[in-house]
mmCIF file of all heavy atoms, coordinates in Angstrom:
data_MODEL
# 
_entry.id   MODEL 
# 
loop_
_atom_site.group_PDB 
_atom_site.id 
_atom_site.type_symbol 
_atom_site.label_atom_id 
_atom_site.label_alt_id 
_atom_site.label_comp_id 
_atom_site.label_asym_id 
_atom_site.label_entity_id 
_atom_site.label_seq_id 
_atom_site.pdbx_PDB_ins_code 
_atom_site.Cartn_x 
_atom_site.Cartn_y 
_atom_site.Cartn_z 
_atom_site.occupancy 
_atom_site.B_iso_or_equiv 
_atom_site.pdbx_formal_charge 
_atom_site.auth_seq_id 
_atom_site.auth_comp_id 
_atom_site.auth_asym_id 
_atom_site.auth_atom_id 
_atom_site.pdbx_PDB_model_num 
ATOM 1   N N   . LEU A 1 1  ? -38.131 13.549  237.845 1.00 0.00 ? 1  LEU A N   1 
ATOM 2   C CA  . LEU A 1 1  ? -37.722 13.005  239.147 1.00 0.00 ? 1  LEU A CA  1 
ATOM 3   C C   . LEU A 1 1  ? -36.202 12.782  239.223 1.00 0.00 ? 1  LEU A C   1 
ATOM 4   O O   . LEU A 1 1  ? -35.684 13.100  240.275 1.00 0.00 ? 1  LEU A O   1 
ATOM 5   C CB  . LEU A 1 1  ? -38.467 11.630  239.361 1.00 0.00 ? 1  LEU A CB  1 
ATOM 6   C CG  . LEU A 1 1  ? -38.205 11.002  240.755 1.00 0.00 ? 1  LEU A CG  1 
ATOM 7   C CD1 . LEU A 1 1  ? -38.522 11.752  241.880 1.00 0.00 ? 1  LEU A CD1 1 
ATOM 8   C CD2 . LEU A 1 1  ? -38.934 9.619   240.816 1.00 0.00 ? 1  LEU A CD2 1 
ATOM 9   N N   . ALA A 1 2  ? -35.620 12.356  238.124 1.00 0.00 ? 2  ALA A N   1 
ATOM 10  C CA  . ALA A 1 2  ? -34.171 12.123  238.109 1.00 0.00 ? 2  ALA A CA  1 
ATOM 11  C C   . ALA A 1 2  ? -33.488 13.368  238.358 1.00 0.00 ? 2  ALA A C   1 
ATOM 12  O O   . ALA A 1 2  ? -32.436 13.462  239.049 1.00 0.00 ? 2  ALA A O   1 
ATOM 13  C CB  . ALA A 1 2  ? -33.724 11.539  236.717 1.00 0.00 ? 2  ALA A CB  1 
ATOM 14  N N   . GLU A 1 3  ? -34.000 14.553  237.621 1.00 0.00 ? 3  GLU A N   1 
ATOM 15  C CA  . GLU A 1 3  ? -33.278 15.882  237.989 1.00 0.00 ? 3  GLU A CA  1 
ATOM 16  C C   . GLU A 1 3  ? -33.468 16.238  239.493 1.00 0.00 ? 3  GLU A C   1 
ATOM 17  O O   . GLU A 1 3  ? -32.451 16.739  240.060 1.00 0.00 ? 3  GLU A O   1 
ATOM 18  C CB  . GLU A 1 3  ? -34.084 16.912  237.138 1.00 0.00 ? 3  GLU A CB  1 
ATOM 19  C CG  . GLU A 1 3  ? -33.646 16.723  235.629 1.00 0.00 ? 3  GLU A CG  1 
ATOM 20  C CD  . GLU A 1 3  ? -34.427 17.812  234.689 1.00 0.00 ? 3  GLU A CD  1 
ATOM 21  O OE1 . GLU A 1 3  ? -35.262 18.513  235.305 1.00 0.00 ? 3  GLU A OE1 1 
ATOM 22  O OE2 . GLU A 1 3  ? -34.239 17.741  233.457 1.00 0.00 ? 3  GLU A OE2 1 
ATOM 23  N N   . ALA A 1 4  ? -34.640 16.079  240.048 1.00 0.00 ? 4  ALA A N   1 
ATOM 24  C CA  . ALA A 1 4  ? -34.867 16.393  241.455 1.00 0.00 ? 4  ALA A CA  1 
ATOM 25  C C   . ALA A 1 4  ? -33.833 15.521  242.341 1.00 0.00 ? 4  ALA A C   1 
ATOM 26  O O   . ALA A 1 4  ? -33.521 16.031  243.427 1.00 0.00 ? 4  ALA A O   1 
ATOM 27  C CB  . ALA A 1 4  ? -36.300 16.117  241.829 1.00 0.00 ? 4  ALA A CB  1 
ATOM 28  N N   . MET A 1 5  ? -33.661 14.333  241.905 1.00 0.00 ? 5  MET A N   1 
ATOM 29  C CA  . MET A 1 5  ? -32.742 13.406  242.765 1.00 0.00 ? 5  MET A CA  1 
ATOM 30  C C   . MET A 1 5  ? -31.308 13.500  242.381 1.00 0.00 ? 5  MET A C   1 
ATOM 31  O O   . MET A 1 5  ? -30.557 12.694  242.912 1.00 0.00 ? 5  MET A O   1 
ATOM 32  C CB  . MET A 1 5  ? -33.257 12.009  242.630 1.00 0.00 ? 5  MET A CB  1 
ATOM 33  C CG  . MET A 1 5  ? -34.701 11.771  243.124 1.00 0.00 ? 5  MET A CG  1 
ATOM 34  S SD  . MET A 1 5  ? -35.228 10.015  242.856 1.00 0.00 ? 5  MET A SD  1 
ATOM 35  C CE  . MET A 1 5  ? -34.250 9.088   244.092 1.00 0.00 ? 5  MET A CE  1 
ATOM 36  N N   . HIS A 1 6  ? -31.066 14.384  241.438 1.00 0.00 ? 6  HIS A N   1 
ATOM 37  C CA  . HIS A 1 6  ? -29.568 14.418  240.889 1.00 0.00 ? 6  HIS A CA  1 
ATOM 38  C C   . HIS A 1 6  ? -29.065 13.059  240.493 1.00 0.00 ? 6  HIS A C   1 
ATOM 39  O O   . HIS A 1 6  ? -28.006 12.662  240.916 1.00 0.00 ? 6  HIS A O   1 
ATOM 40  C CB  . HIS A 1 6  ? -28.753 15.068  241.911 1.00 0.00 ? 6  HIS A CB  1 
ATOM 41  C CG  . HIS A 1 6  ? -29.241 16.404  242.623 1.00 0.00 ? 6  HIS A CG  1 
ATOM 42  N ND1 . HIS A 1 6  ? -29.369 17.492  241.709 1.00 0.00 ? 6  HIS A ND1 1 
ATOM 43  C CD2 . HIS A 1 6  ? -29.672 16.656  243.780 1.00 0.00 ? 6  HIS A CD2 1 
ATOM 44  C CE1 . HIS A 1 6  ? -29.906 18.562  242.488 1.00 0.00 ? 6  HIS A CE1 1 
ATOM 45  N NE2 . HIS A 1 6  ? -30.175 17.956  243.785 1.00 0.00 ? 6  HIS A NE2 1 
ATOM 46  N N   . MET A 1 7  ? -29.907 12.410  239.704 1.00 0.00 ? 7  MET A N   1 
ATOM 47  C CA  . MET A 1 7  ? -29.543 11.038  239.316 1.00 0.00 ? 7  MET A CA  1 
ATOM 48  C C   . MET A 1 7  ? -29.619 10.997  237.836 1.00 0.00 ? 7  MET A C   1 
ATOM 49  O O   . MET A 1 7  ? -30.545 11.514  237.231 1.00 0.00 ? 7  MET A O   1 
ATOM 50  C CB  . MET A 1 7  ? -30.575 10.043  239.910 1.00 0.00 ? 7  MET A CB  1 
ATOM 51  C CG  . MET A 1 7  ? -30.338 8.636   239.589 1.00 0.00 ? 7  MET A CG  1 
ATOM 52  S SD  . MET A 1 7  ? -31.655 7.639   240.220 1.00 0.00 ? 7  MET A SD  1 
ATOM 53  C CE  . MET A 1 7  ? -31.297 7.478   241.956 1.00 0.00 ? 7  MET A CE  1 
ATOM 54  N N   . PRO A 1 8  ? -28.726 10.140  237.050 1.00 0.00 ? 8  PRO A N   1 
ATOM 55  C CA  . PRO A 1 8  ? -28.878 9.988   235.748 1.00 0.00 ? 8  PRO A CA  1 
ATOM 56  C C   . PRO A 1 8  ? -30.267 9.324   235.349 1.00 0.00 ? 8  PRO A C   1 
ATOM 57  O O   . PRO A 1 8  ? -30.639 8.459   236.125 1.00 0.00 ? 8  PRO A O   1 
ATOM 58  C CB  . PRO A 1 8  ? -27.813 9.012   235.326 1.00 0.00 ? 8  PRO A CB  1 
ATOM 59  C CG  . PRO A 1 8  ? -26.782 9.146   236.377 1.00 0.00 ? 8  PRO A CG  1 
ATOM 60  C CD  . PRO A 1 8  ? -27.587 9.494   237.654 1.00 0.00 ? 8  PRO A CD  1 
ATOM 61  N N   . VAL A 1 9  ? -30.877 9.841   234.357 1.00 0.00 ? 9  VAL A N   1 
ATOM 62  C CA  . VAL A 1 9  ? -32.251 9.293   233.846 1.00 0.00 ? 9  VAL A CA  1 
ATOM 63  C C   . VAL A 1 9  ? -32.096 7.787   233.549 1.00 0.00 ? 9  VAL A C   1 
ATOM 64  O O   . VAL A 1 9  ? -32.983 7.090   234.076 1.00 0.00 ? 9  VAL A O   1 
ATOM 65  C CB  . VAL A 1 9  ? -32.786 10.042  232.526 1.00 0.00 ? 9  VAL A CB  1 
ATOM 66  C CG1 . VAL A 1 9  ? -33.905 9.468   232.058 1.00 0.00 ? 9  VAL A CG1 1 
ATOM 67  C CG2 . VAL A 1 9  ? -32.878 11.505  232.890 1.00 0.00 ? 9  VAL A CG2 1 
ATOM 68  N N   . ASP A 1 10 ? -31.066 7.350   232.883 1.00 0.00 ? 10 ASP A N   1 
ATOM 69  C CA  . ASP A 1 10 ? -31.062 5.885   232.651 1.00 0.00 ? 10 ASP A CA  1 
ATOM 70  C C   . ASP A 1 10 ? -30.923 5.078   233.917 1.00 0.00 ? 10 ASP A C   1 
ATOM 71  O O   . ASP A 1 10 ? -31.459 3.907   233.963 1.00 0.00 ? 10 ASP A O   1 
ATOM 72  C CB  . ASP A 1 10 ? -29.855 5.583   231.692 1.00 0.00 ? 10 ASP A CB  1 
ATOM 73  C CG  . ASP A 1 10 ? -28.531 5.924   232.215 1.00 0.00 ? 10 ASP A CG  1 
ATOM 74  O OD1 . ASP A 1 10 ? -28.472 6.581   233.176 1.00 0.00 ? 10 ASP A OD1 1 
ATOM 75  O OD2 . ASP A 1 10 ? -27.576 5.582   231.492 1.00 0.00 ? 10 ASP A OD2 1 
ATOM 76  N N   . ARG A 1 11 ? -30.269 5.505   234.927 1.00 0.00 ? 11 ARG A N   1 
ATOM 77  C CA  . ARG A 1 11 ? -30.234 4.873   236.231 1.00 0.00 ? 11 ARG A CA  1 
ATOM 78  C C   . ARG A 1 11 ? -31.593 4.739   236.841 1.00 0.00 ? 11 ARG A C   1 
ATOM 79  O O   . ARG A 1 11 ? -32.085 3.739   237.411 1.00 0.00 ? 11 ARG A O   1 
ATOM 80  C CB  . ARG A 1 11 ? -29.191 5.587   237.212 1.00 0.00 ? 11 ARG A CB  1 
ATOM 81  C CG  . ARG A 1 11 ? -29.269 5.012   238.619 1.00 0.00 ? 11 ARG A CG  1 
ATOM 82  C CD  . ARG A 1 11 ? -28.467 3.718   238.671 1.00 0.00 ? 11 ARG A CD  1 
ATOM 83  N NE  . ARG A 1 11 ? -28.521 3.159   240.030 1.00 0.00 ? 11 ARG A NE  1 
ATOM 84  C CZ  . ARG A 1 11 ? -29.029 2.049   240.361 1.00 0.00 ? 11 ARG A CZ  1 
ATOM 85  N NH1 . ARG A 1 11 ? -29.599 1.269   239.472 1.00 0.00 ? 11 ARG A NH1 1 
ATOM 86  N NH2 . ARG A 1 11 ? -29.100 1.576   241.556 1.00 0.00 ? 11 ARG A NH2 1 
ATOM 87  N N   . LEU A 1 12 ? -32.298 5.821   236.856 1.00 0.00 ? 12 LEU A N   1 
ATOM 88  C CA  . LEU A 1 12 ? -33.747 5.782   237.403 1.00 0.00 ? 12 LEU A CA  1 
ATOM 89  C C   . LEU A 1 12 ? -34.614 4.942   236.645 1.00 0.00 ? 12 LEU A C   1 
ATOM 90  O O   . LEU A 1 12 ? -35.442 4.112   237.138 1.00 0.00 ? 12 LEU A O   1 
ATOM 91  C CB  . LEU A 1 12 ? -34.318 7.178   237.535 1.00 0.00 ? 12 LEU A CB  1 
ATOM 92  C CG  . LEU A 1 12 ? -35.698 7.350   238.136 1.00 0.00 ? 12 LEU A CG  1 
ATOM 93  C CD1 . LEU A 1 12 ? -35.594 6.787   239.621 1.00 0.00 ? 12 LEU A CD1 1 
ATOM 94  C CD2 . LEU A 1 12 ? -36.160 8.759   238.247 1.00 0.00 ? 12 LEU A CD2 1 
ATOM 95  N N   . GLU A 1 13 ? -34.429 4.913   235.254 1.00 0.00 ? 13 GLU A N   1 
ATOM 96  C CA  . GLU A 1 13 ? -35.244 4.016   234.366 1.00 0.00 ? 13 GLU A CA  1 
ATOM 97  C C   . GLU A 1 13 ? -35.057 2.517   234.798 1.00 0.00 ? 13 GLU A C   1 
ATOM 98  O O   . GLU A 1 13 ? -35.865 1.699   234.880 1.00 0.00 ? 13 GLU A O   1 
ATOM 99  C CB  . GLU A 1 13 ? -34.914 4.235   232.959 1.00 0.00 ? 13 GLU A CB  1 
ATOM 100 C CG  . GLU A 1 13 ? -35.638 5.622   232.389 1.00 0.00 ? 13 GLU A CG  1 
ATOM 101 C CD  . GLU A 1 13 ? -35.367 5.710   230.930 1.00 0.00 ? 13 GLU A CD  1 
ATOM 102 O OE1 . GLU A 1 13 ? -34.174 5.574   230.528 1.00 0.00 ? 13 GLU A OE1 1 
ATOM 103 O OE2 . GLU A 1 13 ? -36.263 6.195   230.201 1.00 0.00 ? 13 GLU A OE2 1 
ATOM 104 N N   . GLU A 1 14 ? -33.763 2.215   235.009 1.00 0.00 ? 14 GLU A N   1 
ATOM 105 C CA  . GLU A 1 14 ? -33.377 0.880   235.400 1.00 0.00 ? 14 GLU A CA  1 
ATOM 106 C C   . GLU A 1 14 ? -34.050 0.533   236.728 1.00 0.00 ? 14 GLU A C   1 
ATOM 107 O O   . GLU A 1 14 ? -34.513 -0.612  236.919 1.00 0.00 ? 14 GLU A O   1 
ATOM 108 C CB  . GLU A 1 14 ? -31.780 0.942   235.554 1.00 0.00 ? 14 GLU A CB  1 
ATOM 109 C CG  . GLU A 1 14 ? -31.212 -0.452  235.802 1.00 0.00 ? 14 GLU A CG  1 
ATOM 110 C CD  . GLU A 1 14 ? -29.665 -0.383  236.084 1.00 0.00 ? 14 GLU A CD  1 
ATOM 111 O OE1 . GLU A 1 14 ? -28.989 0.378   235.403 1.00 0.00 ? 14 GLU A OE1 1 
ATOM 112 O OE2 . GLU A 1 14 ? -29.280 -1.014  237.026 1.00 0.00 ? 14 GLU A OE2 1 
ATOM 113 N N   . ILE A 1 15 ? -34.099 1.460   237.685 1.00 0.00 ? 15 ILE A N   1 
ATOM 114 C CA  . ILE A 1 15 ? -34.677 1.171   239.032 1.00 0.00 ? 15 ILE A CA  1 
ATOM 115 C C   . ILE A 1 15 ? -36.153 0.859   238.842 1.00 0.00 ? 15 ILE A C   1 
ATOM 116 O O   . ILE A 1 15 ? -36.747 -0.039  239.384 1.00 0.00 ? 15 ILE A O   1 
ATOM 117 C CB  . ILE A 1 15 ? -34.420 2.311   239.952 1.00 0.00 ? 15 ILE A CB  1 
ATOM 118 C CG1 . ILE A 1 15 ? -32.926 2.347   240.432 1.00 0.00 ? 15 ILE A CG1 1 
ATOM 119 C CG2 . ILE A 1 15 ? -35.307 2.130   241.288 1.00 0.00 ? 15 ILE A CG2 1 
ATOM 120 C CD1 . ILE A 1 15 ? -32.536 3.588   241.216 1.00 0.00 ? 15 ILE A CD1 1 
ATOM 121 N N   . VAL A 1 16 ? -36.754 1.719   238.083 1.00 0.00 ? 16 VAL A N   1 
ATOM 122 C CA  . VAL A 1 16 ? -38.265 1.638   237.750 1.00 0.00 ? 16 VAL A CA  1 
ATOM 123 C C   . VAL A 1 16 ? -38.463 0.251   237.135 1.00 0.00 ? 16 VAL A C   1 
ATOM 124 O O   . VAL A 1 16 ? -39.440 -0.425  237.484 1.00 0.00 ? 16 VAL A O   1 
ATOM 125 C CB  . VAL A 1 16 ? -38.780 2.719   236.890 1.00 0.00 ? 16 VAL A CB  1 
ATOM 126 C CG1 . VAL A 1 16 ? -40.183 2.432   236.451 1.00 0.00 ? 16 VAL A CG1 1 
ATOM 127 C CG2 . VAL A 1 16 ? -38.702 4.158   237.730 1.00 0.00 ? 16 VAL A CG2 1 
ATOM 128 N N   . HIS A 1 17 ? -37.710 -0.108  236.212 1.00 0.00 ? 17 HIS A N   1 
ATOM 129 C CA  . HIS A 1 17 ? -37.829 -1.417  235.570 1.00 0.00 ? 17 HIS A CA  1 
ATOM 130 C C   . HIS A 1 17 ? -37.733 -2.528  236.479 1.00 0.00 ? 17 HIS A C   1 
ATOM 131 O O   . HIS A 1 17 ? -38.453 -3.583  236.461 1.00 0.00 ? 17 HIS A O   1 
ATOM 132 C CB  . HIS A 1 17 ? -36.827 -1.602  234.309 1.00 0.00 ? 17 HIS A CB  1 
ATOM 133 C CG  . HIS A 1 17 ? -37.010 -2.848  233.692 1.00 0.00 ? 17 HIS A CG  1 
ATOM 134 N ND1 . HIS A 1 17 ? -37.977 -3.275  232.840 1.00 0.00 ? 17 HIS A ND1 1 
ATOM 135 C CD2 . HIS A 1 17 ? -36.079 -3.910  233.701 1.00 0.00 ? 17 HIS A CD2 1 
ATOM 136 C CE1 . HIS A 1 17 ? -37.751 -4.451  232.401 1.00 0.00 ? 17 HIS A CE1 1 
ATOM 137 N NE2 . HIS A 1 17 ? -36.636 -4.855  232.866 1.00 0.00 ? 17 HIS A NE2 1 
ATOM 138 N N   . THR A 1 18 ? -36.644 -2.435  237.397 1.00 0.00 ? 18 THR A N   1 
ATOM 139 C CA  . THR A 1 18 ? -36.409 -3.586  238.302 1.00 0.00 ? 18 THR A CA  1 
ATOM 140 C C   . THR A 1 18 ? -37.497 -3.762  239.244 1.00 0.00 ? 18 THR A C   1 
ATOM 141 O O   . THR A 1 18 ? -37.814 -4.862  239.659 1.00 0.00 ? 18 THR A O   1 
ATOM 142 C CB  . THR A 1 18 ? -35.089 -3.168  239.120 1.00 0.00 ? 18 THR A CB  1 
ATOM 143 O OG1 . THR A 1 18 ? -34.058 -2.998  238.159 1.00 0.00 ? 18 THR A OG1 1 
ATOM 144 C CG2 . THR A 1 18 ? -34.710 -4.341  240.004 1.00 0.00 ? 18 THR A CG2 1 
ATOM 145 N N   . LEU A 1 19 ? -38.181 -2.703  239.651 1.00 0.00 ? 19 LEU A N   1 
ATOM 146 C CA  . LEU A 1 19 ? -39.212 -2.668  240.734 1.00 0.00 ? 19 LEU A CA  1 
ATOM 147 C C   . LEU A 1 19 ? -40.647 -3.017  240.031 1.00 0.00 ? 19 LEU A C   1 
ATOM 148 O O   . LEU A 1 19 ? -41.528 -3.140  240.856 1.00 0.00 ? 19 LEU A O   1 
ATOM 149 C CB  . LEU A 1 19 ? -39.210 -1.357  241.548 1.00 0.00 ? 19 LEU A CB  1 
ATOM 150 C CG  . LEU A 1 19 ? -38.022 -1.100  242.424 1.00 0.00 ? 19 LEU A CG  1 
ATOM 151 C CD1 . LEU A 1 19 ? -38.067 0.187   242.976 1.00 0.00 ? 19 LEU A CD1 1 
ATOM 152 C CD2 . LEU A 1 19 ? -37.714 -2.145  243.461 1.00 0.00 ? 19 LEU A CD2 1 
ATOM 153 N N   . SER A 1 20 ? -40.707 -2.919  238.760 1.00 0.00 ? 20 SER A N   1 
ATOM 154 C CA  . SER A 1 20 ? -42.023 -3.141  238.188 1.00 0.00 ? 20 SER A CA  1 
ATOM 155 C C   . SER A 1 20 ? -42.501 -4.593  238.376 1.00 0.00 ? 20 SER A C   1 
ATOM 156 O O   . SER A 1 20 ? -41.735 -5.519  238.511 1.00 0.00 ? 20 SER A O   1 
ATOM 157 C CB  . SER A 1 20 ? -42.074 -2.834  236.716 1.00 0.00 ? 20 SER A CB  1 
ATOM 158 O OG  . SER A 1 20 ? -41.215 -3.616  235.970 1.00 0.00 ? 20 SER A OG  1 
ATOM 159 N N   . GLU A 1 21 ? -43.864 -4.870  238.506 1.00 0.00 ? 21 GLU A N   1 
ATOM 160 C CA  . GLU A 1 21 ? -44.300 -6.181  238.667 1.00 0.00 ? 21 GLU A CA  1 
ATOM 161 C C   . GLU A 1 21 ? -45.335 -6.624  237.747 1.00 0.00 ? 21 GLU A C   1 
ATOM 162 O O   . GLU A 1 21 ? -46.086 -5.648  237.201 1.00 0.00 ? 21 GLU A O   1 
ATOM 163 C CB  . GLU A 1 21 ? -45.028 -6.276  240.160 1.00 0.00 ? 21 GLU A CB  1 
ATOM 164 C CG  . GLU A 1 21 ? -43.936 -5.923  241.301 1.00 0.00 ? 21 GLU A CG  1 
ATOM 165 C CD  . GLU A 1 21 ? -44.621 -5.802  242.662 1.00 0.00 ? 21 GLU A CD  1 
ATOM 166 O OE1 . GLU A 1 21 ? -45.465 -4.929  242.852 1.00 0.00 ? 21 GLU A OE1 1 
ATOM 167 O OE2 . GLU A 1 21 ? -44.441 -6.749  243.391 1.00 0.00 ? 21 GLU A OE2 1 
ATOM 168 N N   . PHE A 1 22 ? -45.484 -7.968  237.426 1.00 0.00 ? 22 PHE A N   1 
ATOM 169 C CA  . PHE A 1 22 ? -46.449 -8.429  236.456 1.00 0.00 ? 22 PHE A CA  1 
ATOM 170 C C   . PHE A 1 22 ? -47.838 -8.316  237.077 1.00 0.00 ? 22 PHE A C   1 
ATOM 171 O O   . PHE A 1 22 ? -48.916 -8.050  236.482 1.00 0.00 ? 22 PHE A O   1 
ATOM 172 C CB  . PHE A 1 22 ? -46.128 -9.863  236.054 1.00 0.00 ? 22 PHE A CB  1 
ATOM 173 C CG  . PHE A 1 22 ? -45.011 -10.039 235.121 1.00 0.00 ? 22 PHE A CG  1 
ATOM 174 C CD1 . PHE A 1 22 ? -43.811 -10.582 235.524 1.00 0.00 ? 22 PHE A CD1 1 
ATOM 175 C CD2 . PHE A 1 22 ? -45.097 -9.529  233.798 1.00 0.00 ? 22 PHE A CD2 1 
ATOM 176 C CE1 . PHE A 1 22 ? -42.644 -10.625 234.740 1.00 0.00 ? 22 PHE A CE1 1 
ATOM 177 C CE2 . PHE A 1 22 ? -44.004 -9.645  232.949 1.00 0.00 ? 22 PHE A CE2 1 
ATOM 178 C CZ  . PHE A 1 22 ? -42.764 -10.275 233.391 1.00 0.00 ? 22 PHE A CZ  1 
ATOM 179 N N   . ASN A 1 23 ? -47.916 -8.628  238.362 1.00 0.00 ? 23 ASN A N   1 
ATOM 180 C CA  . ASN A 1 23 ? -49.273 -8.608  239.029 1.00 0.00 ? 23 ASN A CA  1 
ATOM 181 C C   . ASN A 1 23 ? -49.199 -7.821  240.354 1.00 0.00 ? 23 ASN A C   1 
ATOM 182 O O   . ASN A 1 23 ? -49.133 -8.429  241.424 1.00 0.00 ? 23 ASN A O   1 
ATOM 183 C CB  . ASN A 1 23 ? -49.883 -9.955  239.293 1.00 0.00 ? 23 ASN A CB  1 
ATOM 184 C CG  . ASN A 1 23 ? -51.266 -10.073 239.609 1.00 0.00 ? 23 ASN A CG  1 
ATOM 185 O OD1 . ASN A 1 23 ? -51.917 -9.032  239.966 1.00 0.00 ? 23 ASN A OD1 1 
ATOM 186 N ND2 . ASN A 1 23 ? -51.865 -11.147 239.483 1.00 0.00 ? 23 ASN A ND2 1 
ATOM 187 N N   . PRO A 1 24 ? -49.076 -6.473  240.348 1.00 0.00 ? 24 PRO A N   1 
ATOM 188 C CA  . PRO A 1 24 ? -48.729 -5.661  241.519 1.00 0.00 ? 24 PRO A CA  1 
ATOM 189 C C   . PRO A 1 24 ? -49.712 -5.799  242.540 1.00 0.00 ? 24 PRO A C   1 
ATOM 190 O O   . PRO A 1 24 ? -49.421 -5.692  243.839 1.00 0.00 ? 24 PRO A O   1 
ATOM 191 C CB  . PRO A 1 24 ? -48.764 -4.316  240.922 1.00 0.00 ? 24 PRO A CB  1 
ATOM 192 C CG  . PRO A 1 24 ? -49.363 -4.337  239.626 1.00 0.00 ? 24 PRO A CG  1 
ATOM 193 C CD  . PRO A 1 24 ? -49.255 -5.594  239.082 1.00 0.00 ? 24 PRO A CD  1 
ATOM 194 N N   . MET A 1 25 ? -51.022 -6.174  242.266 1.00 0.00 ? 25 MET A N   1 
ATOM 195 C CA  . MET A 1 25 ? -52.011 -6.348  243.401 1.00 0.00 ? 25 MET A CA  1 
ATOM 196 C C   . MET A 1 25 ? -51.663 -7.527  244.323 1.00 0.00 ? 25 MET A C   1 
ATOM 197 O O   . MET A 1 25 ? -52.189 -7.666  245.397 1.00 0.00 ? 25 MET A O   1 
ATOM 198 C CB  . MET A 1 25 ? -53.462 -6.385  242.860 1.00 0.00 ? 25 MET A CB  1 
ATOM 199 C CG  . MET A 1 25 ? -53.869 -5.107  242.203 1.00 0.00 ? 25 MET A CG  1 
ATOM 200 S SD  . MET A 1 25 ? -53.856 -3.638  243.331 1.00 0.00 ? 25 MET A SD  1 
ATOM 201 C CE  . MET A 1 25 ? -55.049 -3.981  244.456 1.00 0.00 ? 25 MET A CE  1 
ATOM 202 N N   . LEU A 1 26 ? -50.992 -8.438  243.673 1.00 0.00 ? 26 LEU A N   1 
ATOM 203 C CA  . LEU A 1 26 ? -50.591 -9.663  244.412 1.00 0.00 ? 26 LEU A CA  1 
ATOM 204 C C   . LEU A 1 26 ? -49.135 -9.660  244.774 1.00 0.00 ? 26 LEU A C   1 
ATOM 205 O O   . LEU A 1 26 ? -48.562 -10.692 245.093 1.00 0.00 ? 26 LEU A O   1 
ATOM 206 C CB  . LEU A 1 26 ? -50.934 -10.928 243.617 1.00 0.00 ? 26 LEU A CB  1 
ATOM 207 C CG  . LEU A 1 26 ? -52.454 -11.233 243.456 1.00 0.00 ? 26 LEU A CG  1 
ATOM 208 C CD1 . LEU A 1 26 ? -52.532 -12.571 242.581 1.00 0.00 ? 26 LEU A CD1 1 
ATOM 209 C CD2 . LEU A 1 26 ? -53.123 -11.421 244.701 1.00 0.00 ? 26 LEU A CD2 1 
ATOM 210 N N   . GLY A 1 27 ? -48.652 -8.455  244.650 1.00 0.00 ? 27 GLY A N   1 
ATOM 211 C CA  . GLY A 1 27 ? -47.073 -8.324  244.756 1.00 0.00 ? 27 GLY A CA  1 
ATOM 212 C C   . GLY A 1 27 ? -46.526 -7.691  246.051 1.00 0.00 ? 27 GLY A C   1 
ATOM 213 O O   . GLY A 1 27 ? -46.971 -7.842  247.132 1.00 0.00 ? 27 GLY A O   1 
ATOM 214 N N   . HIS A 1 28 ? -45.640 -6.640  245.770 1.00 0.00 ? 28 HIS A N   1 
ATOM 215 C CA  . HIS A 1 28 ? -44.887 -6.018  246.849 1.00 0.00 ? 28 HIS A CA  1 
ATOM 216 C C   . HIS A 1 28 ? -45.707 -4.921  247.416 1.00 0.00 ? 28 HIS A C   1 
ATOM 217 O O   . HIS A 1 28 ? -45.406 -3.659  247.060 1.00 0.00 ? 28 HIS A O   1 
ATOM 218 C CB  . HIS A 1 28 ? -43.641 -5.572  246.197 1.00 0.00 ? 28 HIS A CB  1 
ATOM 219 C CG  . HIS A 1 28 ? -42.566 -5.319  247.177 1.00 0.00 ? 28 HIS A CG  1 
ATOM 220 N ND1 . HIS A 1 28 ? -41.238 -5.025  246.925 1.00 0.00 ? 28 HIS A ND1 1 
ATOM 221 C CD2 . HIS A 1 28 ? -42.533 -5.483  248.477 1.00 0.00 ? 28 HIS A CD2 1 
ATOM 222 C CE1 . HIS A 1 28 ? -40.501 -4.907  247.930 1.00 0.00 ? 28 HIS A CE1 1 
ATOM 223 N NE2 . HIS A 1 28 ? -41.263 -5.294  249.024 1.00 0.00 ? 28 HIS A NE2 1 
ATOM 224 N N   . ARG A 1 29 ? -46.689 -5.170  248.282 1.00 0.00 ? 29 ARG A N   1 
ATOM 225 C CA  . ARG A 1 29 ? -47.504 -4.196  248.792 1.00 0.00 ? 29 ARG A CA  1 
ATOM 226 C C   . ARG A 1 29 ? -47.954 -4.560  250.257 1.00 0.00 ? 29 ARG A C   1 
ATOM 227 O O   . ARG A 1 29 ? -47.552 -5.641  250.744 1.00 0.00 ? 29 ARG A O   1 
ATOM 228 C CB  . ARG A 1 29 ? -48.831 -4.002  248.057 1.00 0.00 ? 29 ARG A CB  1 
ATOM 229 C CG  . ARG A 1 29 ? -49.554 -5.224  247.857 1.00 0.00 ? 29 ARG A CG  1 
ATOM 230 C CD  . ARG A 1 29 ? -50.887 -5.097  246.961 1.00 0.00 ? 29 ARG A CD  1 
ATOM 231 N NE  . ARG A 1 29 ? -51.992 -4.551  247.877 1.00 0.00 ? 29 ARG A NE  1 
ATOM 232 C CZ  . ARG A 1 29 ? -53.100 -4.974  248.002 1.00 0.00 ? 29 ARG A CZ  1 
ATOM 233 N NH1 . ARG A 1 29 ? -53.477 -5.996  247.216 1.00 0.00 ? 29 ARG A NH1 1 
ATOM 234 N NH2 . ARG A 1 29 ? -54.049 -4.465  248.688 1.00 0.00 ? 29 ARG A NH2 1 
# 
């Protein structure tokens, strides 16, 4: 995905980590 978005892999990993949730079914949905 990082390649497709022309984005550094570590930057995308950071975004994924920031948006992850402990209880997603009660979260941002």
